[in-house]
Amino acid sequence: MTESPTSTDETPAAKTSRLDTTDLALIAAFAALIAVCSYLAAIPMGGAGVPLTLQGFALLLTGALLGPLRGTAAVVLYLLLGVAGLPVFAGHSSGPGVFVGVTGGYLWSFPVMVLVVGLIVKYVLRTRRTNPFLVFAAGVVGVVINHIGGIIGMAIVLHVGLPEAAGFDAPYWIGDFIKAAVAAVVASQVHRAFPKLLARRA
């Protein structure tokens, strides 16, 4: 006599559609990584005084390693912590007012940036995500998204044209490409060591 499945049984599809404790731990850990990197090398640059940080490295690494779902969740958690008052933004700033400040455009672009990088690494690169050059290409797309958001944000807040805002943003491109290259090397090696890191989650 066979027993019917109990209500606690889960199909493989159900198991891959929800976040488990490991996923939640990774989300929290990478949110903390983004916060820590927002403090490191926070040097004001350019005419608008936007600080140069290692935040871009952490964001690109988050998307490349956690994928679109968990990566975006980590960024959203980081942003919510800042809105709640924890000084996790660049320059030890916090609160919703930062989102309408000179750096607000960059912040708004963070979830989109990480989502796109995660989608490319997981679904476009697939088994080729161990190639640092291809991961770097995905990171470049993320850098472009981040800078477009920053330029638009500065143009709105500073009441200047897009060309002038792009001039304020220009000094950060080289540094962000370097961060993308380092993140690509790290991410590709992690995927080589843990080939199933993105296998289960969206």
Protein backbone atom coordinates (compact mmCIF):
# COMPACT_ATOMS: atom_id res chain seq x y z
CA MET A 1 0.00 0.00 0.00
CA THR A 2 1.48 3.33 -1.08
CA GLU A 3 1.22 6.56 0.87
CA SER A 4 -0.02 9.74 -0.73
CA PRO A 5 2.39 12.72 -0.71
CA THR A 6 2.04 14.93 2.33
CA SER A 7 1.55 18.66 2.19
CA THR A 8 5.19 19.14 3.16
CA ASP A 9 6.49 17.59 -0.07
CA GLU A 10 7.88 20.06 -2.60
CA THR A 11 8.38 19.66 -6.28
CA PRO A 12 11.75 20.66 -7.78
CA ALA A 13 10.08 23.70 -9.30
CA ALA A 14 8.82 24.81 -5.91
CA LYS A 15 12.26 24.42 -4.39
CA THR A 16 13.87 26.60 -7.03
CA SER A 17 11.23 29.33 -6.82
CA ARG A 18 11.82 30.41 -3.24
CA LEU A 19 14.76 31.74 -1.29
CA ASP A 20 16.23 29.48 1.38
CA THR A 21 18.36 30.39 4.37
CA THR A 22 21.56 30.24 2.32
CA ASP A 23 20.13 32.69 -0.20
CA LEU A 24 19.04 35.05 2.57
CA ALA A 25 22.49 34.87 4.14
CA LEU A 26 24.12 35.70 0.80
CA ILE A 27 21.74 38.62 0.27
CA ALA A 28 22.57 40.03 3.69
CA ALA A 29 26.31 39.46 3.24
CA PHE A 30 26.44 41.22 -0.12
CA ALA A 31 24.31 44.10 1.14
CA ALA A 32 26.93 44.50 3.89
CA LEU A 33 29.72 44.29 1.30
CA ILE A 34 28.16 47.12 -0.71
CA ALA A 35 27.85 49.21 2.46
CA VAL A 36 31.48 48.62 3.44
CA CYS A 37 32.71 49.45 -0.06
CA SER A 38 30.78 52.73 0.03
CA TYR A 39 33.18 53.86 2.77
CA LEU A 40 36.41 52.72 1.17
CA ALA A 41 38.30 55.37 -0.82
CA ALA A 42 35.38 57.82 -0.57
CA ILE A 43 37.16 60.70 -2.28
CA PRO A 44 35.14 63.61 -3.76
CA MET A 45 35.95 64.13 -7.44
CA GLY A 46 34.68 66.14 -10.38
CA GLY A 47 32.80 69.41 -10.45
CA ALA A 48 29.76 67.98 -8.68
CA GLY A 49 31.74 66.53 -5.77
CA VAL A 50 30.42 62.97 -6.20
CA PRO A 51 32.71 60.71 -4.10
CA LEU A 52 34.83 58.00 -5.68
CA THR A 53 34.28 54.72 -3.82
CA LEU A 54 34.64 50.96 -4.31
CA GLN A 55 30.86 50.66 -4.40
CA GLY A 56 30.83 49.95 -8.13
CA PHE A 57 33.08 46.94 -7.61
CA ALA A 58 30.74 45.52 -4.96
CA LEU A 59 27.66 46.11 -7.08
CA LEU A 60 29.12 44.42 -10.16
CA LEU A 61 30.36 41.51 -8.07
CA THR A 62 26.92 41.16 -6.48
CA GLY A 63 25.18 40.91 -9.85
CA ALA A 64 27.77 38.55 -11.33
CA LEU A 65 27.79 36.17 -8.37
CA LEU A 66 24.24 36.24 -7.02
CA GLY A 67 22.34 36.60 -10.29
CA PRO A 68 19.33 38.81 -11.00
CA LEU A 69 17.00 37.81 -8.14
CA ARG A 70 19.36 37.56 -5.19
CA GLY A 71 21.60 40.34 -6.50
CA THR A 72 18.76 42.80 -6.85
CA ALA A 73 17.43 41.78 -3.44
CA ALA A 74 20.84 42.53 -1.89
CA VAL A 75 20.90 46.00 -3.46
CA VAL A 76 17.33 46.76 -2.40
CA LEU A 77 18.19 45.68 1.16
CA TYR A 78 21.22 47.98 1.12
CA LEU A 79 19.12 50.91 -0.12
CA LEU A 80 16.41 50.27 2.47
CA LEU A 81 19.00 50.28 5.24
CA GLY A 82 20.14 53.68 4.03
CA VAL A 83 16.60 55.02 3.84
CA ALA A 84 15.98 53.74 7.38
CA GLY A 85 18.79 55.98 8.65
CA LEU A 86 21.87 53.75 8.74
CA PRO A 87 24.85 55.68 7.32
CA VAL A 88 25.61 53.17 4.56
CA PHE A 89 25.71 55.55 1.60
CA ALA A 90 28.87 57.25 0.34
CA GLY A 91 30.19 59.87 2.72
CA HIS A 92 28.42 58.21 5.69
CA SER A 93 25.14 59.69 4.49
CA SER A 94 21.67 58.22 4.92
CA GLY A 95 17.97 58.97 4.66
CA PRO A 96 15.56 59.39 1.74
CA GLY A 97 16.95 62.84 0.98
CA VAL A 98 20.03 61.25 -0.57
CA PHE A 99 17.85 59.93 -3.40
CA VAL A 100 17.06 63.48 -4.51
CA GLY A 101 20.61 64.75 -4.05
CA VAL A 102 23.49 65.00 -6.47
CA THR A 103 24.24 61.27 -6.17
CA GLY A 104 20.59 60.24 -6.32
CA GLY A 105 20.70 59.20 -9.97
CA TYR A 106 23.46 56.72 -9.25
CA LEU A 107 21.50 55.22 -6.35
CA TRP A 108 18.33 54.85 -8.43
CA SER A 109 20.32 52.99 -11.08
CA PHE A 110 21.83 50.45 -8.66
CA PRO A 111 19.00 47.86 -8.79
CA VAL A 112 18.76 48.10 -12.59
CA MET A 113 22.53 47.85 -12.94
CA VAL A 114 22.78 44.71 -10.80
CA LEU A 115 19.67 43.15 -12.35
CA VAL A 116 21.04 43.52 -15.89
CA VAL A 117 24.50 42.24 -14.98
CA GLY A 118 22.93 39.27 -13.20
CA LEU A 119 20.71 38.47 -16.19
CA ILE A 120 23.63 38.62 -18.62
CA VAL A 121 25.96 36.49 -16.51
CA LYS A 122 23.32 33.89 -15.68
CA TYR A 123 21.32 33.59 -18.89
CA VAL A 124 23.58 34.89 -21.66
CA LEU A 125 27.01 33.71 -20.56
CA ARG A 126 25.77 30.49 -18.95
CA THR A 127 28.73 28.05 -18.99
CA ARG A 128 31.01 30.83 -20.25
CA ARG A 129 30.73 32.82 -17.02
CA THR A 130 34.19 31.50 -16.09
CA ASN A 131 35.63 33.69 -18.86
CA PRO A 132 36.74 36.97 -17.24
CA PHE A 133 36.60 38.88 -20.52
CA LEU A 134 32.94 38.01 -21.04
CA VAL A 135 32.10 38.82 -17.43
CA PHE A 136 33.92 42.12 -17.89
CA ALA A 137 31.73 42.86 -20.92
CA ALA A 138 28.66 42.29 -18.74
CA GLY A 139 30.17 44.61 -16.16
CA VAL A 140 30.69 47.32 -18.78
CA VAL A 141 26.96 47.22 -19.51
CA GLY A 142 26.33 47.73 -15.79
CA VAL A 143 28.79 50.63 -15.64
CA VAL A 144 27.05 52.34 -18.56
CA ILE A 145 23.65 51.96 -16.86
CA ASN A 146 25.04 53.40 -13.63
CA HIS A 147 26.59 56.39 -15.36
CA ILE A 148 23.50 57.15 -17.40
CA GLY A 149 21.48 57.22 -14.18
CA GLY A 150 24.06 59.44 -12.53
CA ILE A 151 24.21 61.88 -15.43
CA ILE A 152 20.44 62.22 -15.59
CA GLY A 153 20.26 62.68 -11.82
CA MET A 154 22.91 65.39 -11.77
CA ALA A 155 21.28 67.20 -14.68
CA ILE A 156 17.99 67.31 -12.78
CA VAL A 157 19.37 68.22 -9.35
CA LEU A 158 21.95 70.76 -10.52
CA HIS A 159 19.68 72.23 -13.21
CA VAL A 160 22.26 71.81 -15.93
CA GLY A 161 22.19 70.26 -19.37
CA LEU A 162 23.07 66.64 -20.01
CA PRO A 163 26.41 67.54 -21.66
CA GLU A 164 27.50 69.50 -18.60
CA ALA A 165 26.34 66.72 -16.27
CA ALA A 166 28.25 64.23 -18.42
CA GLY A 167 31.32 66.40 -17.92
CA PHE A 168 30.91 66.15 -14.15
CA ASP A 169 30.58 62.38 -14.52
CA ALA A 170 33.52 61.89 -16.91
CA PRO A 171 36.32 61.51 -14.30
CA TYR A 172 34.72 58.34 -12.92
CA TRP A 173 34.66 56.19 -16.07
CA ILE A 174 38.24 54.93 -15.98
CA GLY A 175 38.03 53.98 -12.32
CA ASP A 176 34.76 52.15 -12.89
CA PHE A 177 36.19 50.19 -15.81
CA ILE A 178 39.06 49.12 -13.56
CA LYS A 179 36.57 48.04 -10.90
CA ALA A 180 34.63 46.10 -13.55
CA ALA A 181 37.82 44.32 -14.62
CA VAL A 182 38.72 43.33 -11.06
CA ALA A 183 35.14 42.20 -10.35
CA ALA A 184 35.20 40.13 -13.55
CA VAL A 185 38.39 38.33 -12.54
CA VAL A 186 37.04 37.60 -9.05
CA ALA A 187 33.60 36.51 -10.29
CA SER A 188 34.97 34.25 -13.02
CA GLN A 189 37.24 32.48 -10.55
CA VAL A 190 34.39 32.03 -8.07
CA HIS A 191 32.20 30.55 -10.81
CA ARG A 192 35.05 28.25 -11.79
CA ALA A 193 35.30 27.03 -8.19
CA PHE A 194 31.52 26.89 -7.66
CA PRO A 195 29.94 26.13 -11.06
CA LYS A 196 26.47 25.63 -9.55
CA LEU A 197 26.36 28.98 -7.76
CA LEU A 198 23.73 30.31 -10.17
CA ALA A 199 22.20 26.97 -11.08
CA ARG A 200 19.22 27.06 -8.72
CA ARG A 201 18.11 30.66 -8.54
CA ALA A 202 16.71 33.18 -10.98
